[in-house]
Structures are given as structure tokens and as C-alpha cells.
Amino acid sequence: MKVTRDVVYDLLPAYFAGEVSEDTRSLIKEFFATDPEFGRMAEKFGALMEERSRRGSEDTEADKERTALNRAIRRSKLRQSAMAWALGAVVALVIAGLTPVGGRVGMRHPGNIIAVVFGAMALGTWFVSYRPDSERWFGPYLEK
């Protein structure tokens, strides 16, 4: 039976992973001897596979760019949600400040006190959303 390039090509991943029998290994080496150009190409392929396995999970530039894009999208969503929260608290502050209870309006008005607390929390959330490590704090609340 004559071995073709296609057959050897199909066997290359297992060959470089060391998962083939001695007979298959010798068959592939014999084919490399008869087709040296294919043998050089296969050795480059093996070196590439070995380098990739050493690198681990970090794959290609496209994967790095995709990861950076996803991080930027999550950060943008975080800032949008923080801004919405802050604006909601400001609206609550205005409404609470303009609503008299029992004829009293002023700083000791319960609505104003609650609104100031919510406003401070909203402002703090908004400032924290611009921190470089804000994903660590808000990570569970973001879509992955």
C-alpha cells in the first residue's frame, strides 16, 4: 500500500504528540525521507505545536485583541450603569428635597437625609467605576 501526503498529514498531530505506535512512527519517517520538502514543513509544524503547548492558554494576537475588546465593553457597561445609578439618586434627591412632610422643609427633613445618603453612594459608585481595578469590585455584576 502506498502512503500519500494526505495520510501522513492526518497522522502528524498524533505523531508530534507522541501518541502513535512505533510502526506508524517509522512509516512517517520513511515518508519524510522520500519527500524532504514535506518533512521540513512537518518539522516546522511540530515546532509550532510545541511552542503553542508551552505558551498555555495564551493563543494568538486575535485572542488577545478579543479579550481586550471584551474588557473595554464590560468597562463601558459598568460606567453606564454607574452613571444611571448616580442620575437616579440625583432625581431622588431633588424629589425628596421638594416634598414637604408636615410642613417642614430643610436639611433635617427625612427625605433630604435619605437623598443625601443615596447621592453620596451614587457619587462613590460613579468614582469607583473609573478605577483601573473596578472590574474586581463589580465583576460579579457584569456580563462575561
Protein backbone atom coordinates (compact mmCIF):
# COMPACT_ATOMS: atom_id res chain seq x y z
CA MET A 1 0.00 0.00 0.00
CA LYS A 2 1.31 3.40 -0.99
CA VAL A 3 1.20 6.10 1.68
CA THR A 4 0.14 9.52 0.41
CA ARG A 5 0.74 13.00 1.77
CA ASP A 6 -2.88 13.20 2.93
CA VAL A 7 -2.48 10.11 5.11
CA VAL A 8 0.74 11.43 6.67
CA TYR A 9 -0.81 14.87 7.11
CA ASP A 10 -3.70 13.32 9.05
CA LEU A 11 -1.23 11.50 11.30
CA LEU A 12 1.01 14.50 12.07
CA PRO A 13 -0.80 15.80 15.20
CA ALA A 14 -0.67 12.37 16.83
CA TYR A 15 2.92 11.89 15.62
CA PHE A 16 4.14 15.11 17.26
CA ALA A 17 2.09 14.44 20.40
CA GLY A 18 3.86 11.07 20.72
CA GLU A 19 0.61 9.10 20.52
CA VAL A 20 1.45 6.82 17.58
CA SER A 21 2.88 3.31 17.57
CA GLU A 22 6.47 2.56 16.56
CA ASP A 23 5.28 1.18 13.20
CA THR A 24 3.43 4.40 12.40
CA ARG A 25 6.41 6.47 13.56
CA SER A 26 8.76 4.57 11.25
CA LEU A 27 6.28 4.84 8.36
CA ILE A 28 6.14 8.62 8.77
CA LYS A 29 9.94 8.89 8.99
CA GLU A 30 10.27 6.86 5.81
CA PHE A 31 7.82 9.16 4.07
CA PHE A 32 9.84 12.20 5.22
CA ALA A 33 12.93 10.59 3.65
CA THR A 34 11.13 10.22 0.31
CA ASP A 35 9.63 13.73 0.41
CA PRO A 36 12.14 16.05 2.17
CA GLU A 37 10.15 19.23 1.44
CA PHE A 38 7.11 17.81 3.22
CA GLY A 39 9.40 16.62 6.03
CA ARG A 40 10.75 20.17 6.59
CA MET A 41 7.22 21.57 6.56
CA ALA A 42 6.11 18.91 9.06
CA GLU A 43 9.04 19.71 11.38
CA LYS A 44 8.06 23.40 11.33
CA PHE A 45 4.50 22.33 12.15
CA GLY A 46 5.82 20.25 15.06
CA ALA A 47 7.88 23.16 16.39
CA LEU A 48 4.81 25.41 16.18
CA MET A 49 2.68 22.88 18.09
CA GLU A 50 5.35 22.54 20.77
CA GLU A 51 5.66 26.31 21.18
CA ARG A 52 1.90 26.67 21.41
CA SER A 53 1.65 23.99 24.09
CA ARG A 54 4.40 25.72 26.11
CA ARG A 55 2.58 29.04 25.97
CA GLY A 56 -0.51 27.54 27.53
CA SER A 57 -3.82 29.37 27.26
CA GLU A 58 -2.42 32.49 25.62
CA ASP A 59 -3.03 31.84 21.94
CA THR A 60 -2.86 34.41 19.19
CA GLU A 61 -2.94 38.15 18.70
CA ALA A 62 -6.59 37.87 17.68
CA ASP A 63 -7.42 36.22 21.03
CA LYS A 64 -5.59 39.00 22.88
CA GLU A 65 -7.46 41.65 20.90
CA ARG A 66 -10.79 39.90 21.54
CA THR A 67 -10.03 39.79 25.27
CA ALA A 68 -9.13 43.50 25.31
CA LEU A 69 -12.31 44.36 23.39
CA ASN A 70 -14.47 42.35 25.81
CA ARG A 71 -12.79 44.09 28.75
CA ALA A 72 -13.48 47.51 27.20
CA ILE A 73 -17.12 46.60 26.58
CA ARG A 74 -17.56 45.43 30.20
CA ARG A 75 -15.92 48.62 31.50
CA SER A 76 -18.23 50.73 29.30
CA LYS A 77 -21.30 48.89 30.61
CA LEU A 78 -20.06 49.40 34.16
CA ARG A 79 -19.68 53.13 33.62
CA GLN A 80 -23.11 53.37 32.01
CA SER A 81 -24.75 51.55 34.91
CA ALA A 82 -22.89 53.68 37.45
CA MET A 83 -23.97 56.85 35.65
CA ALA A 84 -27.60 55.66 35.56
CA TRP A 85 -27.45 54.87 39.27
CA ALA A 86 -25.99 58.30 40.04
CA LEU A 87 -28.59 60.10 37.95
CA GLY A 88 -31.38 58.14 39.63
CA ALA A 89 -30.04 59.15 43.03
CA VAL A 90 -29.90 62.81 41.97
CA VAL A 91 -33.52 62.64 40.82
CA ALA A 92 -34.45 61.08 44.17
CA LEU A 93 -32.55 63.89 45.93
CA VAL A 94 -34.46 66.58 44.04
CA ILE A 95 -37.85 64.93 44.59
CA ALA A 96 -37.16 64.34 48.29
CA GLY A 97 -35.95 67.90 48.75
CA LEU A 98 -39.04 69.39 47.16
CA THR A 99 -41.57 67.25 49.03
CA PRO A 100 -42.64 68.81 52.33
CA VAL A 101 -43.70 66.47 55.14
CA GLY A 102 -45.73 68.02 57.91
CA GLY A 103 -44.93 71.49 56.67
CA ARG A 104 -41.19 71.05 57.22
CA VAL A 105 -38.62 71.61 54.50
CA GLY A 106 -34.92 71.86 55.33
CA MET A 107 -31.76 69.90 55.94
CA ARG A 108 -33.29 67.88 58.79
CA HIS A 109 -36.11 66.73 56.57
CA PRO A 110 -36.02 62.90 56.47
CA GLY A 111 -36.29 62.90 52.68
CA ASN A 112 -33.26 65.15 52.38
CA ILE A 113 -31.20 62.99 54.72
CA ILE A 114 -32.06 59.83 52.76
CA ALA A 115 -31.43 61.62 49.46
CA VAL A 116 -28.01 62.85 50.62
CA VAL A 117 -27.05 59.31 51.67
CA PHE A 118 -28.16 57.89 48.31
CA GLY A 119 -26.44 60.72 46.47
CA ALA A 120 -23.17 60.04 48.30
CA MET A 121 -23.44 56.35 47.48
CA ALA A 122 -24.16 57.12 43.84
CA LEU A 123 -21.23 59.52 43.61
CA GLY A 124 -18.94 56.96 45.24
CA THR A 125 -20.09 54.25 42.84
CA TRP A 126 -19.54 56.54 39.89
CA PHE A 127 -15.99 57.45 41.02
CA VAL A 128 -15.12 53.82 41.73
CA SER A 129 -16.27 52.81 38.24
CA TYR A 130 -13.32 54.79 36.82
CA ARG A 131 -10.72 52.97 38.90
CA PRO A 132 -8.42 50.66 36.91
CA ASP A 133 -9.35 47.67 39.08
CA SER A 134 -13.08 48.40 39.19
CA GLU A 135 -13.80 45.09 37.43
CA ARG A 136 -12.53 43.31 40.53
CA TRP A 137 -15.17 45.06 42.65
CA PHE A 138 -18.05 44.95 40.18
CA GLY A 139 -17.05 41.82 38.23
CA PRO A 140 -19.88 39.58 39.51
CA TYR A 141 -22.44 42.13 38.29
CA LEU A 142 -21.11 42.30 34.72
CA GLU A 143 -21.84 40.01 31.79
CA LYS A 144 -18.87 37.87 30.92
